[in-house]
Amino acid sequence: MAKKATARKSAAKKSTARKGKKLLTKADVMRKCKQLNNWGKWGKNDELGVLNYITPEDIANAAKLVRKGKVFRLGLELDENGPQRGLFGGRWNPMHQMLATGTDAVQGIQEPLAGMRYADDAINLPTQAATQWDALAHVFTEDKMWNGYDATLVDVRGAHKNGIENFADKMVGRGVLLDVARYKGKKRLADGYEITIKDLENTAKKQGVEVRRGDFVIFNTGQMADCLDRGDWGGYAGGDDCAKDGVYEFFLCAPPLVITRGTGSPINPQAIK
């Protein structure tokens, strides 16, 4: 009973602390949108945004980071156990359906195909169901999207500007892991913890890694690993190898699927050292 009472007091203190914080408002968001606006920086027809920073030289240099041939998969599994709970647009977890199976084959159902036997399947998923890239058409600032394009350019046929297909040959380069959770001495940061610029700068300093223009920066909060371990996606993987060898930079390859006029795409990023 004493342990339960202590836990309740601790939770109450955290709740009180959260209540004492100033909540983010729409005015705060709009002010930051104006402050950080890059629209027009690369011309009125641009659909790449900061990906313009990545040069062929950057990619060639990133390829030199492959020294051991170690590959780390960063994507979530596409199955019914994913993180979706219908919060955004009624999204669902991926559904996997078999179209042809080995049982079909042994029952002779496929015999009309000149003896060829096979398995085939299909998946049904929102493009932002798991590990994914967002296209620049995914989010609007009031009635505009990236570069000032009108939000109505995304219609039932998809994104006629800023579609994910524009990223199809762009998402490769130098990756950098900033393991904020490890820097803080924790396996997982608390839900809602605000990662500050100071946190990122101090993490990079401790790791001895420099973040450069055009890098793909990955933050480890420990939360995804915790959710996977618990089998609970109520809130929203890891840096052990980087901590062992002290190397927090790698070649990152993470192209989207070429979904014409898509607002996003599932991906399975590969960190290669």
C-alpha atoms as a PDB file:
ATOM      1  CA  MET A   1       0.000   0.000   0.000  1.00  0.00           C
ATOM      2  CA  ALA A   2       2.858   2.367   0.846  1.00  0.00           C
ATOM      3  CA  LYS A   3       4.393   1.825  -2.596  1.00  0.00           C
ATOM      4  CA  LYS A   4       1.059   2.551  -4.285  1.00  0.00           C
ATOM      5  CA  ALA A   5       0.598   5.726  -2.249  1.00  0.00           C
ATOM      6  CA  THR A   6       4.110   6.897  -3.146  1.00  0.00           C
ATOM      7  CA  ALA A   7       3.426   6.223  -6.823  1.00  0.00           C
ATOM      8  CA  ARG A   8       0.185   8.226  -6.651  1.00  0.00           C
ATOM      9  CA  LYS A   9       1.981  11.171  -5.009  1.00  0.00           C
ATOM     10  CA  SER A  10       4.694  11.065  -7.658  1.00  0.00           C
ATOM     11  CA  ALA A  11       2.124  11.030 -10.449  1.00  0.00           C
ATOM     12  CA  ALA A  12       0.269  13.925  -8.820  1.00  0.00           C
ATOM     13  CA  LYS A  13       3.474  15.971  -8.635  1.00  0.00           C
ATOM     14  CA  LYS A  14       4.180  15.340 -12.318  1.00  0.00           C
ATOM     15  CA  SER A  15       0.616  16.302 -13.209  1.00  0.00           C
ATOM     16  CA  THR A  16       0.921  19.524 -11.200  1.00  0.00           C
ATOM     17  CA  ALA A  17       4.226  20.296 -12.911  1.00  0.00           C
ATOM     18  CA  ARG A  18       2.646  19.846 -16.318  1.00  0.00           C
ATOM     19  CA  LYS A  19      -0.241  22.125 -15.355  1.00  0.00           C
ATOM     20  CA  GLY A  20       2.254  24.803 -14.377  1.00  0.00           C
ATOM     21  CA  LYS A  21       3.747  24.857 -17.865  1.00  0.00           C
ATOM     22  CA  LYS A  22       2.555  27.234 -20.529  1.00  0.00           C
ATOM     23  CA  LEU A  23       0.762  25.215 -23.177  1.00  0.00           C
ATOM     24  CA  LEU A  24       1.621  25.692 -26.832  1.00  0.00           C
ATOM     25  CA  THR A  25      -0.969  27.838 -28.599  1.00  0.00           C
ATOM     26  CA  LYS A  26      -1.909  28.359 -32.246  1.00  0.00           C
ATOM     27  CA  ALA A  27      -0.416  31.857 -31.994  1.00  0.00           C
ATOM     28  CA  ASP A  28       2.908  30.312 -30.891  1.00  0.00           C
ATOM     29  CA  VAL A  29       2.871  27.957 -33.887  1.00  0.00           C
ATOM     30  CA  MET A  30       1.996  30.712 -36.368  1.00  0.00           C
ATOM     31  CA  ARG A  31       4.709  32.972 -34.963  1.00  0.00           C
ATOM     32  CA  LYS A  32       7.319  30.228 -35.469  1.00  0.00           C
ATOM     33  CA  CYS A  33       5.995  29.523 -38.972  1.00  0.00           C
ATOM     34  CA  LYS A  34       6.647  33.144 -39.936  1.00  0.00           C
ATOM     35  CA  GLN A  35      10.010  33.258 -38.158  1.00  0.00           C
ATOM     36  CA  LEU A  36      11.342  30.096 -39.838  1.00  0.00           C
ATOM     37  CA  ASN A  37       9.704  30.559 -43.234  1.00  0.00           C
ATOM     38  CA  ASN A  38      11.957  29.560 -46.160  1.00  0.00           C
ATOM     39  CA  TRP A  39       9.354  29.891 -48.914  1.00  0.00           C
ATOM     40  CA  GLY A  40      10.913  31.194 -52.098  1.00  0.00           C
ATOM     41  CA  LYS A  41      14.489  30.561 -50.990  1.00  0.00           C
ATOM     42  CA  TRP A  42      15.080  28.123 -53.887  1.00  0.00           C
ATOM     43  CA  GLY A  43      12.740  29.786 -56.350  1.00  0.00           C
ATOM     44  CA  LYS A  44       8.976  29.947 -56.767  1.00  0.00           C
ATOM     45  CA  ASN A  45       8.774  26.484 -58.396  1.00  0.00           C
ATOM     46  CA  ASP A  46      10.714  24.568 -55.741  1.00  0.00           C
ATOM     47  CA  GLU A  47       9.263  21.320 -54.328  1.00  0.00           C
ATOM     48  CA  LEU A  48      12.304  20.046 -52.377  1.00  0.00           C
ATOM     49  CA  GLY A  49      12.843  22.480 -49.511  1.00  0.00           C
ATOM     50  CA  VAL A  50      15.989  21.888 -47.455  1.00  0.00           C
ATOM     51  CA  LEU A  51      16.839  18.811 -49.519  1.00  0.00           C
ATOM     52  CA  ASN A  52      18.395  21.411 -51.841  1.00  0.00           C
ATOM     53  CA  TYR A  53      21.224  21.588 -49.303  1.00  0.00           C
ATOM     54  CA  ILE A  54      22.372  18.030 -50.093  1.00  0.00           C
ATOM     55  CA  THR A  55      24.974  18.063 -52.862  1.00  0.00           C
ATOM     56  CA  PRO A  56      26.488  15.201 -54.902  1.00  0.00           C
ATOM     57  CA  GLU A  57      29.728  15.864 -53.012  1.00  0.00           C
ATOM     58  CA  ASP A  58      27.890  15.396 -49.690  1.00  0.00           C
ATOM     59  CA  ILE A  59      26.553  12.029 -50.863  1.00  0.00           C
ATOM     60  CA  ALA A  60      29.964  10.886 -52.133  1.00  0.00           C
ATOM     61  CA  ASN A  61      31.547  11.822 -48.788  1.00  0.00           C
ATOM     62  CA  ALA A  62      28.766  10.065 -46.889  1.00  0.00           C
ATOM     63  CA  ALA A  63      29.458   6.872 -48.839  1.00  0.00           C
ATOM     64  CA  LYS A  64      33.012   6.908 -47.431  1.00  0.00           C
ATOM     65  CA  LEU A  65      31.537   6.382 -43.956  1.00  0.00           C
ATOM     66  CA  VAL A  66      30.826   2.755 -44.858  1.00  0.00           C
ATOM     67  CA  ARG A  67      33.851   0.994 -43.325  1.00  0.00           C
ATOM     68  CA  LYS A  68      32.552  -2.204 -41.690  1.00  0.00           C
ATOM     69  CA  GLY A  69      29.632  -3.131 -43.909  1.00  0.00           C
ATOM     70  CA  LYS A  70      27.295  -3.204 -40.887  1.00  0.00           C
ATOM     71  CA  VAL A  71      23.683  -2.468 -41.778  1.00  0.00           C
ATOM     72  CA  PHE A  72      21.032  -1.354 -39.283  1.00  0.00           C
ATOM     73  CA  ARG A  73      17.367  -1.465 -40.196  1.00  0.00           C
ATOM     74  CA  LEU A  74      15.494   1.533 -38.767  1.00  0.00           C
ATOM     75  CA  GLY A  75      11.972   0.814 -40.027  1.00  0.00           C
ATOM     76  CA  LEU A  76       9.053  -0.576 -38.062  1.00  0.00           C
ATOM     77  CA  GLU A  77       7.397  -3.813 -39.130  1.00  0.00           C
ATOM     78  CA  LEU A  78       4.369  -3.348 -41.377  1.00  0.00           C
ATOM     79  CA  ASP A  79       1.742  -5.392 -39.572  1.00  0.00           C
ATOM     80  CA  GLU A  80      -1.352  -5.167 -37.397  1.00  0.00           C
ATOM     81  CA  ASN A  81       0.711  -4.432 -34.273  1.00  0.00           C
ATOM     82  CA  GLY A  82       1.778  -0.955 -35.382  1.00  0.00           C
ATOM     83  CA  PRO A  83       1.323   2.414 -33.672  1.00  0.00           C
ATOM     84  CA  GLN A  84      -1.913   3.597 -35.298  1.00  0.00           C
ATOM     85  CA  ARG A  85      -4.988   4.209 -33.125  1.00  0.00           C
ATOM     86  CA  GLY A  86      -7.091   6.243 -35.551  1.00  0.00           C
ATOM     87  CA  LEU A  87      -5.987   9.608 -34.152  1.00  0.00           C
ATOM     88  CA  PHE A  88      -4.940  11.212 -37.446  1.00  0.00           C
ATOM     89  CA  GLY A  89      -7.500  10.960 -40.246  1.00  0.00           C
ATOM     90  CA  GLY A  90      -8.721   7.562 -39.057  1.00  0.00           C
ATOM     91  CA  ARG A  91      -5.414   5.863 -39.896  1.00  0.00           C
ATOM     92  CA  TRP A  92      -5.187   2.114 -39.388  1.00  0.00           C
ATOM     93  CA  ASN A  93      -2.314  -0.314 -39.040  1.00  0.00           C
ATOM     94  CA  PRO A  94      -1.187  -2.198 -42.158  1.00  0.00           C
ATOM     95  CA  MET A  95      -3.410  -5.070 -43.280  1.00  0.00           C
ATOM     96  CA  HIS A  96      -1.722  -7.980 -45.018  1.00  0.00           C
ATOM     97  CA  GLN A  97      -3.807 -10.201 -47.302  1.00  0.00           C
ATOM     98  CA  MET A  98      -2.721 -13.319 -49.180  1.00  0.00           C
ATOM     99  CA  LEU A  99      -3.819 -13.498 -52.813  1.00  0.00           C
ATOM    100  CA  ALA A 100      -2.271 -16.886 -53.578  1.00  0.00           C
ATOM    101  CA  THR A 101      -0.808 -19.433 -51.172  1.00  0.00           C
ATOM    102  CA  GLY A 102       1.070 -22.695 -50.910  1.00  0.00           C
ATOM    103  CA  THR A 103      -2.197 -24.431 -50.024  1.00  0.00           C
ATOM    104  CA  ASP A 104      -3.587 -23.224 -53.366  1.00  0.00           C
ATOM    105  CA  ALA A 105      -0.559 -24.690 -55.073  1.00  0.00           C
ATOM    106  CA  VAL A 106      -0.751 -28.179 -53.530  1.00  0.00           C
ATOM    107  CA  GLN A 107      -4.501 -28.364 -54.201  1.00  0.00           C
ATOM    108  CA  GLY A 108      -3.897 -27.880 -57.912  1.00  0.00           C
ATOM    109  CA  ILE A 109      -5.735 -24.564 -58.127  1.00  0.00           C
ATOM    110  CA  GLN A 110      -2.814 -23.034 -60.027  1.00  0.00           C
ATOM    111  CA  GLU A 111      -2.380 -25.869 -62.554  1.00  0.00           C
ATOM    112  CA  PRO A 112      -3.865 -23.899 -65.486  1.00  0.00           C
ATOM    113  CA  LEU A 113      -0.715 -21.736 -65.326  1.00  0.00           C
ATOM    114  CA  ALA A 114       1.400 -24.395 -67.093  1.00  0.00           C
ATOM    115  CA  GLY A 115       2.491 -25.882 -63.786  1.00  0.00           C
ATOM    116  CA  MET A 116       3.833 -22.636 -62.309  1.00  0.00           C
ATOM    117  CA  ARG A 117       3.199 -22.507 -58.581  1.00  0.00           C
ATOM    118  CA  TYR A 118       3.550 -19.371 -56.490  1.00  0.00           C
ATOM    119  CA  ALA A 119       2.487 -17.239 -53.528  1.00  0.00           C
ATOM    120  CA  ASP A 120       1.284 -13.654 -53.838  1.00  0.00           C
ATOM    121  CA  ASP A 121       0.030 -11.045 -51.417  1.00  0.00           C
ATOM    122  CA  ALA A 122      -1.136  -7.452 -50.944  1.00  0.00           C
ATOM    123  CA  ILE A 123      -0.995  -4.798 -48.241  1.00  0.00           C
ATOM    124  CA  ASN A 124      -3.446  -2.038 -47.360  1.00  0.00           C
ATOM    125  CA  LEU A 125      -2.062   0.840 -45.338  1.00  0.00           C
ATOM    126  CA  PRO A 126      -2.078   4.623 -44.929  1.00  0.00           C
ATOM    127  CA  THR A 127       1.177   6.078 -46.244  1.00  0.00           C
ATOM    128  CA  GLN A 128       1.954   7.438 -42.763  1.00  0.00           C
ATOM    129  CA  ALA A 129       1.082   4.237 -40.903  1.00  0.00           C
ATOM    130  CA  ALA A 130       4.562   3.357 -39.633  1.00  0.00           C
ATOM    131  CA  THR A 131       8.103   4.556 -40.372  1.00  0.00           C
ATOM    132  CA  GLN A 132       7.598   7.090 -43.139  1.00  0.00           C
ATOM    133  CA  TRP A 133       8.596  10.292 -44.870  1.00  0.00           C
ATOM    134  CA  ASP A 134       6.098  13.128 -45.048  1.00  0.00           C
ATOM    135  CA  ALA A 135       5.904  14.919 -48.371  1.00  0.00           C
ATOM    136  CA  LEU A 136       5.910  18.714 -48.346  1.00  0.00           C
ATOM    137  CA  ALA A 137       2.229  18.440 -49.266  1.00  0.00           C
ATOM    138  CA  HIS A 138       1.421  16.731 -45.961  1.00  0.00           C
ATOM    139  CA  VAL A 139       1.082  19.778 -43.689  1.00  0.00           C
ATOM    140  CA  PHE A 140      -0.500  23.174 -44.299  1.00  0.00           C
ATOM    141  CA  THR A 141       0.035  26.563 -42.697  1.00  0.00           C
ATOM    142  CA  GLU A 142      -3.522  27.829 -42.743  1.00  0.00           C
ATOM    143  CA  ASP A 143      -4.427  27.581 -46.483  1.00  0.00           C
ATOM    144  CA  LYS A 144      -0.897  27.140 -47.872  1.00  0.00           C
ATOM    145  CA  MET A 145       1.722  24.386 -48.053  1.00  0.00           C
ATOM    146  CA  TRP A 146       5.465  24.536 -48.736  1.00  0.00           C
ATOM    147  CA  ASN A 147       6.634  27.401 -50.918  1.00  0.00           C
ATOM    148  CA  GLY A 148       3.258  29.124 -50.823  1.00  0.00           C
ATOM    149  CA  TYR A 149       1.398  26.578 -52.956  1.00  0.00           C
ATOM    150  CA  ASP A 150      -2.328  26.606 -52.301  1.00  0.00           C
ATOM    151  CA  ALA A 151      -3.662  23.799 -50.105  1.00  0.00           C
ATOM    152  CA  THR A 152      -6.383  23.102 -52.674  1.00  0.00           C
ATOM    153  CA  LEU A 153      -3.684  21.700 -54.967  1.00  0.00           C
ATOM    154  CA  VAL A 154      -4.038  18.566 -52.847  1.00  0.00           C
ATOM    155  CA  ASP A 155      -7.341  17.066 -53.971  1.00  0.00           C
ATOM    156  CA  VAL A 156      -8.918  13.621 -54.353  1.00  0.00           C
ATOM    157  CA  ARG A 157      -6.350  12.827 -57.045  1.00  0.00           C
ATOM    158  CA  GLY A 158      -3.489  13.590 -54.671  1.00  0.00           C
ATOM    159  CA  ALA A 159      -0.859  16.308 -54.327  1.00  0.00           C
ATOM    160  CA  HIS A 160      -0.384  18.186 -57.592  1.00  0.00           C
ATOM    161  CA  LYS A 161       2.502  20.041 -55.974  1.00  0.00           C
ATOM    162  CA  ASN A 162       5.003  18.874 -53.339  1.00  0.00           C
ATOM    163  CA  GLY A 163       4.196  15.176 -53.817  1.00  0.00           C
ATOM    164  CA  ILE A 164       6.441  12.515 -52.290  1.00  0.00           C
ATOM    165  CA  GLU A 165       7.648  11.430 -55.755  1.00  0.00           C
ATOM    166  CA  ASN A 166       9.888  14.506 -55.729  1.00  0.00           C
ATOM    167  CA  PHE A 167      11.969  12.839 -52.983  1.00  0.00           C
ATOM    168  CA  ALA A 168      12.410   9.538 -54.847  1.00  0.00           C
ATOM    169  CA  ASP A 169      16.138  10.020 -55.549  1.00  0.00           C
ATOM    170  CA  LYS A 170      16.972  12.454 -52.761  1.00  0.00           C
ATOM    171  CA  MET A 171      16.892  10.689 -49.396  1.00  0.00           C
ATOM    172  CA  VAL A 172      20.502   9.527 -49.138  1.00  0.00           C
ATOM    173  CA  GLY A 173      23.445  11.117 -47.372  1.00  0.00           C
ATOM    174  CA  ARG A 174      25.258  11.468 -44.077  1.00  0.00           C
ATOM    175  CA  GLY A 175      23.257  10.307 -41.091  1.00  0.00           C
ATOM    176  CA  VAL A 176      24.002  11.411 -37.531  1.00  0.00           C
ATOM    177  CA  LEU A 177      22.584   9.862 -34.374  1.00  0.00           C
ATOM    178  CA  LEU A 178      22.073  12.159 -31.396  1.00  0.00           C
ATOM    179  CA  ASP A 179      21.326   9.769 -28.532  1.00  0.00           C
ATOM    180  CA  VAL A 180      19.638  12.247 -26.206  1.00  0.00           C
ATOM    181  CA  ALA A 181      18.306   9.559 -23.865  1.00  0.00           C
ATOM    182  CA  ARG A 182      21.792   8.122 -23.315  1.00  0.00           C
ATOM    183  CA  TYR A 183      23.226  11.620 -22.826  1.00  0.00           C
ATOM    184  CA  LYS A 184      20.611  12.195 -20.111  1.00  0.00           C
ATOM    185  CA  GLY A 185      21.542   8.869 -18.498  1.00  0.00           C
ATOM    186  CA  LYS A 186      18.131   7.361 -19.178  1.00  0.00           C
ATOM    187  CA  LYS A 187      16.810   4.417 -21.163  1.00  0.00           C
ATOM    188  CA  ARG A 188      13.828   6.500 -22.173  1.00  0.00           C
ATOM    189  CA  LEU A 189      12.901  10.161 -21.910  1.00  0.00           C
ATOM    190  CA  ALA A 190       9.568  10.875 -20.250  1.00  0.00           C
ATOM    191  CA  ASP A 191       6.547  11.426 -22.484  1.00  0.00           C
ATOM    192  CA  GLY A 192       6.336  15.099 -23.383  1.00  0.00           C
ATOM    193  CA  TYR A 193       9.941  15.872 -22.487  1.00  0.00           C
ATOM    194  CA  GLU A 194      10.975  18.968 -24.426  1.00  0.00           C
ATOM    195  CA  ILE A 195      14.278  18.342 -26.206  1.00  0.00           C
ATOM    196  CA  THR A 196      16.051  21.710 -26.307  1.00  0.00           C
ATOM    197  CA  ILE A 197      18.753  23.044 -28.610  1.00  0.00           C
ATOM    198  CA  LYS A 198      21.072  22.885 -25.603  1.00  0.00           C
ATOM    199  CA  ASP A 199      20.265  19.166 -25.194  1.00  0.00           C
ATOM    200  CA  LEU A 200      21.176  18.542 -28.829  1.00  0.00           C
ATOM    201  CA  GLU A 201      24.356  20.606 -28.701  1.00  0.00           C
ATOM    202  CA  ASN A 202      25.513  18.927 -25.503  1.00  0.00           C
ATOM    203  CA  THR A 203      24.677  15.457 -26.848  1.00  0.00           C
ATOM    204  CA  ALA A 204      26.706  16.128 -30.003  1.00  0.00           C
ATOM    205  CA  LYS A 205      29.600  17.482 -27.927  1.00  0.00           C
ATOM    206  CA  LYS A 206      29.646  14.465 -25.634  1.00  0.00           C
ATOM    207  CA  GLN A 207      29.523  12.094 -28.604  1.00  0.00           C
ATOM    208  CA  GLY A 208      32.252  13.996 -30.408  1.00  0.00           C
ATOM    209  CA  VAL A 209      30.192  14.352 -33.566  1.00  0.00           C
ATOM    210  CA  GLU A 210      29.524  17.439 -35.673  1.00  0.00           C
ATOM    211  CA  VAL A 211      26.149  18.112 -37.288  1.00  0.00           C
ATOM    212  CA  ARG A 212      26.590  19.667 -40.724  1.00  0.00           C
ATOM    213  CA  ARG A 213      24.317  21.272 -43.261  1.00  0.00           C
ATOM    214  CA  GLY A 214      22.530  18.631 -45.338  1.00  0.00           C
ATOM    215  CA  ASP A 215      22.768  15.890 -42.675  1.00  0.00           C
ATOM    216  CA  PHE A 216      19.943  13.513 -41.751  1.00  0.00           C
ATOM    217  CA  VAL A 217      19.812  13.823 -37.959  1.00  0.00           C
ATOM    218  CA  ILE A 218      18.184  11.030 -35.972  1.00  0.00           C
ATOM    219  CA  PHE A 219      17.225  11.593 -32.334  1.00  0.00           C
ATOM    220  CA  ASN A 220      17.017   8.643 -29.965  1.00  0.00           C
ATOM    221  CA  THR A 221      14.595   9.261 -27.111  1.00  0.00           C
ATOM    222  CA  GLY A 222      14.261   5.579 -26.168  1.00  0.00           C
ATOM    223  CA  GLN A 223      10.504   5.807 -26.497  1.00  0.00           C
ATOM    224  CA  MET A 224      10.062   3.588 -29.547  1.00  0.00           C
ATOM    225  CA  ALA A 225      12.138   0.791 -28.036  1.00  0.00           C
ATOM    226  CA  ASP A 226      10.117   1.096 -24.834  1.00  0.00           C
ATOM    227  CA  CYS A 227       6.804   0.875 -26.734  1.00  0.00           C
ATOM    228  CA  LEU A 228       8.025  -2.162 -28.671  1.00  0.00           C
ATOM    229  CA  ASP A 229       9.178  -3.872 -25.462  1.00  0.00           C
ATOM    230  CA  ARG A 230       5.831  -3.239 -23.772  1.00  0.00           C
ATOM    231  CA  GLY A 231       3.736  -3.921 -26.846  1.00  0.00           C
ATOM    232  CA  ASP A 232       1.935  -0.656 -26.097  1.00  0.00           C
ATOM    233  CA  TRP A 233       1.768   2.278 -28.522  1.00  0.00           C
ATOM    234  CA  GLY A 234      -0.112   4.519 -26.117  1.00  0.00           C
ATOM    235  CA  GLY A 235       2.541   7.165 -26.598  1.00  0.00           C
ATOM    236  CA  TYR A 236       5.271   7.363 -29.237  1.00  0.00           C
ATOM    237  CA  ALA A 237      15.573   2.477 -32.209  1.00  0.00           C
ATOM    238  CA  GLY A 238      18.709   2.269 -30.705  1.00  0.00           C
ATOM    239  CA  GLY A 239      22.269   3.487 -30.407  1.00  0.00           C
ATOM    240  CA  ASP A 240      24.094   0.582 -28.764  1.00  0.00           C
ATOM    241  CA  ASP A 241      26.489   0.035 -31.658  1.00  0.00           C
ATOM    242  CA  CYS A 242      27.302   3.736 -31.863  1.00  0.00           C
ATOM    243  CA  ALA A 243      27.957   3.837 -28.112  1.00  0.00           C
ATOM    244  CA  LYS A 244      30.265   0.816 -28.373  1.00  0.00           C
ATOM    245  CA  ASP A 245      32.498   2.121 -31.143  1.00  0.00           C
ATOM    246  CA  GLY A 246      32.039   5.846 -30.501  1.00  0.00           C
ATOM    247  CA  VAL A 247      31.023   6.458 -34.127  1.00  0.00           C
ATOM    248  CA  TYR A 248      27.754   8.352 -34.436  1.00  0.00           C
ATOM    249  CA  GLU A 249      27.867   9.074 -38.168  1.00  0.00           C
ATOM    250  CA  PHE A 250      26.936   6.706 -40.979  1.00  0.00           C
ATOM    251  CA  PHE A 251      25.620   6.471 -44.511  1.00  0.00           C
ATOM    252  CA  LEU A 252      21.846   6.729 -44.524  1.00  0.00           C
ATOM    253  CA  CYS A 253      19.775   5.381 -47.400  1.00  0.00           C
ATOM    254  CA  ALA A 254      16.021   5.929 -47.061  1.00  0.00           C
ATOM    255  CA  PRO A 255      14.222   6.523 -50.371  1.00  0.00           C
ATOM    256  CA  PRO A 256      10.424   6.687 -50.404  1.00  0.00           C
ATOM    257  CA  LEU A 257       8.243   4.596 -52.660  1.00  0.00           C
ATOM    258  CA  VAL A 258       7.490   6.449 -55.883  1.00  0.00           C
ATOM    259  CA  ILE A 259       3.857   7.176 -55.041  1.00  0.00           C
ATOM    260  CA  THR A 260       2.643   9.640 -57.661  1.00  0.00           C
ATOM    261  CA  ARG A 261       1.080  12.675 -55.957  1.00  0.00           C
ATOM    262  CA  GLY A 262       1.473  11.033 -52.535  1.00  0.00           C
ATOM    263  CA  THR A 263       1.531  13.017 -49.288  1.00  0.00           C
ATOM    264  CA  GLY A 264       3.865  10.484 -47.706  1.00  0.00           C
ATOM    265  CA  SER A 265       5.471   7.078 -48.095  1.00  0.00           C
ATOM    266  CA  PRO A 266       6.401   4.126 -45.890  1.00  0.00           C
ATOM    267  CA  ILE A 267      10.166   3.562 -45.705  1.00  0.00           C
ATOM    268  CA  ASN A 268      12.685   1.164 -44.202  1.00  0.00           C
ATOM    269  CA  PRO A 269      15.765   3.355 -43.648  1.00  0.00           C
ATOM    270  CA  GLN A 270      19.169   1.700 -43.628  1.00  0.00           C
ATOM    271  CA  ALA A 271      21.997   3.070 -41.491  1.00  0.00           C
ATOM    272  CA  ILE A 272      25.248   1.651 -42.849  1.00  0.00           C
ATOM    273  CA  LYS A 273      28.599   1.852 -41.033  1.00  0.00           C
END
